[in-house]
Amino acid sequence: MPDDVYNRNVEIVNERKQIKTPNPSNELYSEAYNKYYPEISKKVSDMRTKVIIGKDTIENYDKLIEQLRNDPTLKQVADEMTEAYHKKMESQ
């Protein structure tokens, strides 16, 4: 790689290091998230992997996503995280 290209890339990386985009979910707490989300996430990740390697169909992946949309546990996670987010925003 030519020196001028390398130096330009280093400058770009250093500029981007200075810009931070806040993650709104930082510092949020939910019992339901801590208890249920790892399992939900694993189910989705495992199904995604199965679809990619051809062990399952995209239709079954879509069915899983639809089941999760109607899952009261995931709704509880979302509700608690939403409530925690609103409390965080009110206190700022």
N, C-alpha and C. Protein backbone atom coordinates (compact mmCIF):
# COMPACT_ATOMS: atom_id res chain seq x y z
N MET A 1 0.86 -1.17 0.00
CA MET A 1 0.00 0.00 0.00
C MET A 1 0.91 1.24 0.00
N PRO A 2 0.65 2.16 -0.89
CA PRO A 2 1.47 3.38 -0.92
C PRO A 2 1.33 4.17 0.38
N ASP A 3 2.39 4.87 0.75
CA ASP A 3 2.41 5.64 1.99
C ASP A 3 1.29 6.67 2.06
N ASP A 4 1.01 7.35 0.96
CA ASP A 4 -0.03 8.39 1.00
C ASP A 4 -1.41 7.78 1.26
N VAL A 5 -1.67 6.61 0.70
CA VAL A 5 -2.95 5.94 0.94
C VAL A 5 -3.02 5.47 2.39
N TYR A 6 -1.94 4.89 2.87
CA TYR A 6 -1.89 4.43 4.25
C TYR A 6 -2.11 5.60 5.22
N ASN A 7 -1.42 6.70 5.00
CA ASN A 7 -1.55 7.87 5.88
C ASN A 7 -2.96 8.45 5.83
N ARG A 8 -3.57 8.46 4.65
CA ARG A 8 -4.94 8.95 4.54
C ARG A 8 -5.88 8.05 5.34
N ASN A 9 -5.69 6.73 5.24
CA ASN A 9 -6.54 5.79 5.97
C ASN A 9 -6.37 5.94 7.48
N VAL A 10 -5.14 6.16 7.92
CA VAL A 10 -4.89 6.38 9.35
C VAL A 10 -5.61 7.64 9.81
N GLU A 11 -5.57 8.70 9.03
CA GLU A 11 -6.27 9.94 9.38
C GLU A 11 -7.78 9.71 9.50
N ILE A 12 -8.32 8.96 8.55
CA ILE A 12 -9.76 8.68 8.57
C ILE A 12 -10.13 7.90 9.83
N VAL A 13 -9.36 6.89 10.16
CA VAL A 13 -9.64 6.08 11.35
C VAL A 13 -9.54 6.94 12.60
N ASN A 14 -8.53 7.77 12.69
CA ASN A 14 -8.37 8.63 13.87
C ASN A 14 -9.50 9.63 14.00
N GLU A 15 -9.99 10.17 12.89
CA GLU A 15 -11.14 11.09 12.94
C GLU A 15 -12.38 10.37 13.45
N ARG A 16 -12.59 9.16 12.95
CA ARG A 16 -13.78 8.39 13.34
C ARG A 16 -13.73 7.95 14.80
N LYS A 17 -12.55 7.77 15.33
CA LYS A 17 -12.42 7.41 16.75
C LYS A 17 -12.94 8.51 17.65
N GLN A 18 -12.87 9.75 17.19
CA GLN A 18 -13.28 10.90 18.00
C GLN A 18 -14.79 11.07 18.03
N ILE A 19 -15.47 10.51 17.06
CA ILE A 19 -16.92 10.64 16.97
C ILE A 19 -17.56 9.43 17.62
N LYS A 20 -18.38 9.67 18.63
CA LYS A 20 -19.04 8.57 19.32
C LYS A 20 -20.54 8.69 19.11
N THR A 21 -21.12 7.62 18.67
CA THR A 21 -22.57 7.55 18.54
C THR A 21 -23.09 6.83 19.77
N PRO A 22 -23.90 7.50 20.57
CA PRO A 22 -24.36 6.85 21.80
C PRO A 22 -25.30 5.68 21.50
N ASN A 23 -25.17 4.66 22.31
CA ASN A 23 -26.06 3.52 22.23
C ASN A 23 -27.16 3.73 23.26
N PRO A 24 -28.40 3.94 22.81
CA PRO A 24 -29.48 4.26 23.76
C PRO A 24 -29.79 3.15 24.74
N SER A 25 -29.35 1.92 24.46
CA SER A 25 -29.66 0.83 25.37
C SER A 25 -28.63 0.68 26.48
N ASN A 26 -27.54 1.45 26.41
CA ASN A 26 -26.56 1.40 27.50
C ASN A 26 -27.21 1.84 28.80
N GLU A 27 -26.87 1.18 29.87
CA GLU A 27 -27.33 1.50 31.22
C GLU A 27 -28.81 1.20 31.45
N LEU A 28 -29.43 0.45 30.56
CA LEU A 28 -30.81 0.04 30.79
C LEU A 28 -30.80 -1.31 31.48
N TYR A 29 -31.78 -1.52 32.36
CA TYR A 29 -31.85 -2.77 33.10
C TYR A 29 -33.26 -3.34 33.02
N SER A 30 -33.32 -4.64 32.79
CA SER A 30 -34.60 -5.34 32.76
C SER A 30 -34.38 -6.77 33.24
N GLU A 31 -35.13 -7.16 34.25
CA GLU A 31 -35.06 -8.55 34.73
C GLU A 31 -35.42 -9.52 33.61
N ALA A 32 -36.48 -9.20 32.89
CA ALA A 32 -36.93 -10.09 31.82
C ALA A 32 -35.87 -10.21 30.74
N TYR A 33 -35.22 -9.11 30.39
CA TYR A 33 -34.16 -9.15 29.38
C TYR A 33 -33.04 -10.07 29.84
N ASN A 34 -32.61 -9.88 31.06
CA ASN A 34 -31.51 -10.71 31.58
C ASN A 34 -31.89 -12.18 31.66
N LYS A 35 -33.13 -12.45 31.95
CA LYS A 35 -33.58 -13.83 32.13
C LYS A 35 -33.89 -14.53 30.81
N TYR A 36 -34.58 -13.84 29.89
CA TYR A 36 -35.12 -14.50 28.70
C TYR A 36 -34.38 -14.20 27.40
N TYR A 37 -33.81 -13.01 27.27
CA TYR A 37 -33.28 -12.61 25.97
C TYR A 37 -32.12 -13.49 25.47
N PRO A 38 -31.21 -13.95 26.32
CA PRO A 38 -30.14 -14.81 25.79
C PRO A 38 -30.69 -16.07 25.08
N GLU A 39 -31.71 -16.66 25.65
CA GLU A 39 -32.31 -17.85 25.02
C GLU A 39 -33.01 -17.49 23.71
N ILE A 40 -33.73 -16.38 23.71
CA ILE A 40 -34.42 -15.95 22.49
C ILE A 40 -33.39 -15.65 21.39
N SER A 41 -32.36 -14.95 21.75
CA SER A 41 -31.31 -14.60 20.80
C SER A 41 -30.64 -15.84 20.23
N LYS A 42 -30.40 -16.83 21.09
CA LYS A 42 -29.77 -18.07 20.65
C LYS A 42 -30.67 -18.82 19.67
N LYS A 43 -31.98 -18.86 19.95
CA LYS A 43 -32.91 -19.52 19.04
C LYS A 43 -32.84 -18.90 17.64
N VAL A 44 -32.86 -17.58 17.60
CA VAL A 44 -32.83 -16.88 16.31
C VAL A 44 -31.50 -17.12 15.61
N SER A 45 -30.42 -17.02 16.35
CA SER A 45 -29.09 -17.21 15.77
C SER A 45 -28.92 -18.64 15.25
N ASP A 46 -29.37 -19.62 16.03
CA ASP A 46 -29.27 -21.02 15.60
C ASP A 46 -30.09 -21.26 14.33
N MET A 47 -31.30 -20.72 14.30
CA MET A 47 -32.15 -20.90 13.12
C MET A 47 -31.53 -20.22 11.91
N ARG A 48 -30.99 -19.03 12.10
CA ARG A 48 -30.34 -18.31 11.00
C ARG A 48 -29.18 -19.14 10.44
N THR A 49 -28.40 -19.72 11.33
CA THR A 49 -27.27 -20.56 10.90
C THR A 49 -27.76 -21.78 10.13
N LYS A 50 -28.81 -22.42 10.63
CA LYS A 50 -29.36 -23.59 9.94
C LYS A 50 -29.83 -23.23 8.53
N VAL A 51 -30.45 -22.07 8.39
CA VAL A 51 -30.92 -21.64 7.08
C VAL A 51 -29.72 -21.40 6.16
N ILE A 52 -28.70 -20.75 6.67
CA ILE A 52 -27.52 -20.43 5.86
C ILE A 52 -26.83 -21.70 5.37
N ILE A 53 -26.72 -22.70 6.23
CA ILE A 53 -26.01 -23.93 5.81
C ILE A 53 -26.93 -24.94 5.14
N GLY A 54 -28.20 -24.59 4.99
CA GLY A 54 -29.13 -25.44 4.26
C GLY A 54 -29.79 -26.53 5.07
N LYS A 55 -29.71 -26.47 6.40
CA LYS A 55 -30.33 -27.50 7.26
C LYS A 55 -31.80 -27.19 7.55
N ASP A 56 -32.22 -25.96 7.25
CA ASP A 56 -33.60 -25.57 7.49
C ASP A 56 -34.01 -24.58 6.41
N THR A 57 -35.30 -24.29 6.34
CA THR A 57 -35.81 -23.41 5.28
C THR A 57 -36.04 -21.99 5.80
N ILE A 58 -36.04 -21.06 4.87
CA ILE A 58 -36.32 -19.67 5.22
C ILE A 58 -37.76 -19.53 5.72
N GLU A 59 -38.63 -20.40 5.25
CA GLU A 59 -40.03 -20.37 5.71
C GLU A 59 -40.10 -20.70 7.21
N ASN A 60 -39.30 -21.67 7.65
CA ASN A 60 -39.27 -21.99 9.08
C ASN A 60 -38.68 -20.85 9.90
N TYR A 61 -37.69 -20.16 9.33
CA TYR A 61 -37.14 -18.98 10.00
C TYR A 61 -38.23 -17.92 10.15
N ASP A 62 -38.97 -17.69 9.08
CA ASP A 62 -40.07 -16.72 9.13
C ASP A 62 -41.11 -17.12 10.17
N LYS A 63 -41.39 -18.41 10.27
CA LYS A 63 -42.35 -18.90 11.28
C LYS A 63 -41.83 -18.61 12.69
N LEU A 64 -40.54 -18.84 12.91
CA LEU A 64 -39.94 -18.56 14.22
C LEU A 64 -40.08 -17.08 14.56
N ILE A 65 -39.77 -16.22 13.61
CA ILE A 65 -39.87 -14.78 13.84
C ILE A 65 -41.31 -14.40 14.15
N GLU A 66 -42.26 -14.97 13.43
CA GLU A 66 -43.67 -14.69 13.69
C GLU A 66 -44.07 -15.17 15.08
N GLN A 67 -43.60 -16.34 15.48
CA GLN A 67 -43.88 -16.85 16.83
C GLN A 67 -43.33 -15.89 17.88
N LEU A 68 -42.12 -15.39 17.65
CA LEU A 68 -41.51 -14.47 18.61
C LEU A 68 -42.27 -13.16 18.68
N ARG A 69 -42.81 -12.71 17.57
CA ARG A 69 -43.60 -11.47 17.58
C ARG A 69 -44.82 -11.60 18.47
N ASN A 70 -45.33 -12.81 18.58
CA ASN A 70 -46.52 -13.06 19.40
C ASN A 70 -46.18 -13.63 20.77
N ASP A 71 -44.92 -13.75 21.08
CA ASP A 71 -44.46 -14.35 22.34
C ASP A 71 -44.62 -13.35 23.49
N PRO A 72 -45.41 -13.71 24.52
CA PRO A 72 -45.60 -12.79 25.64
C PRO A 72 -44.30 -12.51 26.41
N THR A 73 -43.38 -13.45 26.40
CA THR A 73 -42.10 -13.23 27.08
C THR A 73 -41.30 -12.13 26.39
N LEU A 74 -41.24 -12.19 25.07
CA LEU A 74 -40.52 -11.15 24.33
C LEU A 74 -41.23 -9.80 24.47
N LYS A 75 -42.54 -9.82 24.53
CA LYS A 75 -43.29 -8.58 24.76
C LYS A 75 -42.95 -8.00 26.13
N GLN A 76 -42.82 -8.86 27.13
CA GLN A 76 -42.44 -8.40 28.46
C GLN A 76 -41.04 -7.77 28.43
N VAL A 77 -40.12 -8.41 27.72
CA VAL A 77 -38.76 -7.87 27.58
C VAL A 77 -38.83 -6.48 26.94
N ALA A 78 -39.56 -6.38 25.84
CA ALA A 78 -39.67 -5.10 25.14
C ALA A 78 -40.32 -4.04 26.01
N ASP A 79 -41.36 -4.40 26.73
CA ASP A 79 -42.05 -3.43 27.60
C ASP A 79 -41.13 -2.93 28.71
N GLU A 80 -40.40 -3.84 29.35
CA GLU A 80 -39.50 -3.44 30.43
C GLU A 80 -38.35 -2.58 29.91
N MET A 81 -37.81 -2.92 28.75
CA MET A 81 -36.72 -2.12 28.19
C MET A 81 -37.23 -0.74 27.76
N THR A 82 -38.44 -0.69 27.23
CA THR A 82 -39.03 0.59 26.86
C THR A 82 -39.24 1.46 28.09
N GLU A 83 -39.75 0.86 29.15
CA GLU A 83 -39.96 1.60 30.41
C GLU A 83 -38.62 2.11 30.96
N ALA A 84 -37.60 1.26 30.94
CA ALA A 84 -36.28 1.66 31.43
C ALA A 84 -35.71 2.80 30.58
N TYR A 85 -35.94 2.74 29.28
CA TYR A 85 -35.46 3.79 28.38
C TYR A 85 -36.16 5.12 28.70
N HIS A 86 -37.46 5.08 28.89
CA HIS A 86 -38.20 6.31 29.20
C HIS A 86 -37.74 6.91 30.53
N LYS A 87 -37.50 6.05 31.52
CA LYS A 87 -36.99 6.56 32.81
C LYS A 87 -35.62 7.20 32.63
N LYS A 88 -34.78 6.58 31.82
CA LYS A 88 -33.45 7.12 31.57
C LYS A 88 -33.55 8.49 30.89
N MET A 89 -34.44 8.62 29.91
CA MET A 89 -34.57 9.88 29.18
C MET A 89 -35.17 10.98 30.06
N GLU A 90 -36.07 10.62 30.97
CA GLU A 90 -36.66 11.60 31.89
C GLU A 90 -35.64 12.17 32.85
N SER A 91 -34.66 11.34 33.23
CA SER A 91 -33.70 11.78 34.22
C SER A 91 -32.56 12.61 33.62
N GLN A 92 -32.55 12.73 32.32
CA GLN A 92 -31.47 13.51 31.69
C GLN A 92 -31.84 14.94 31.51
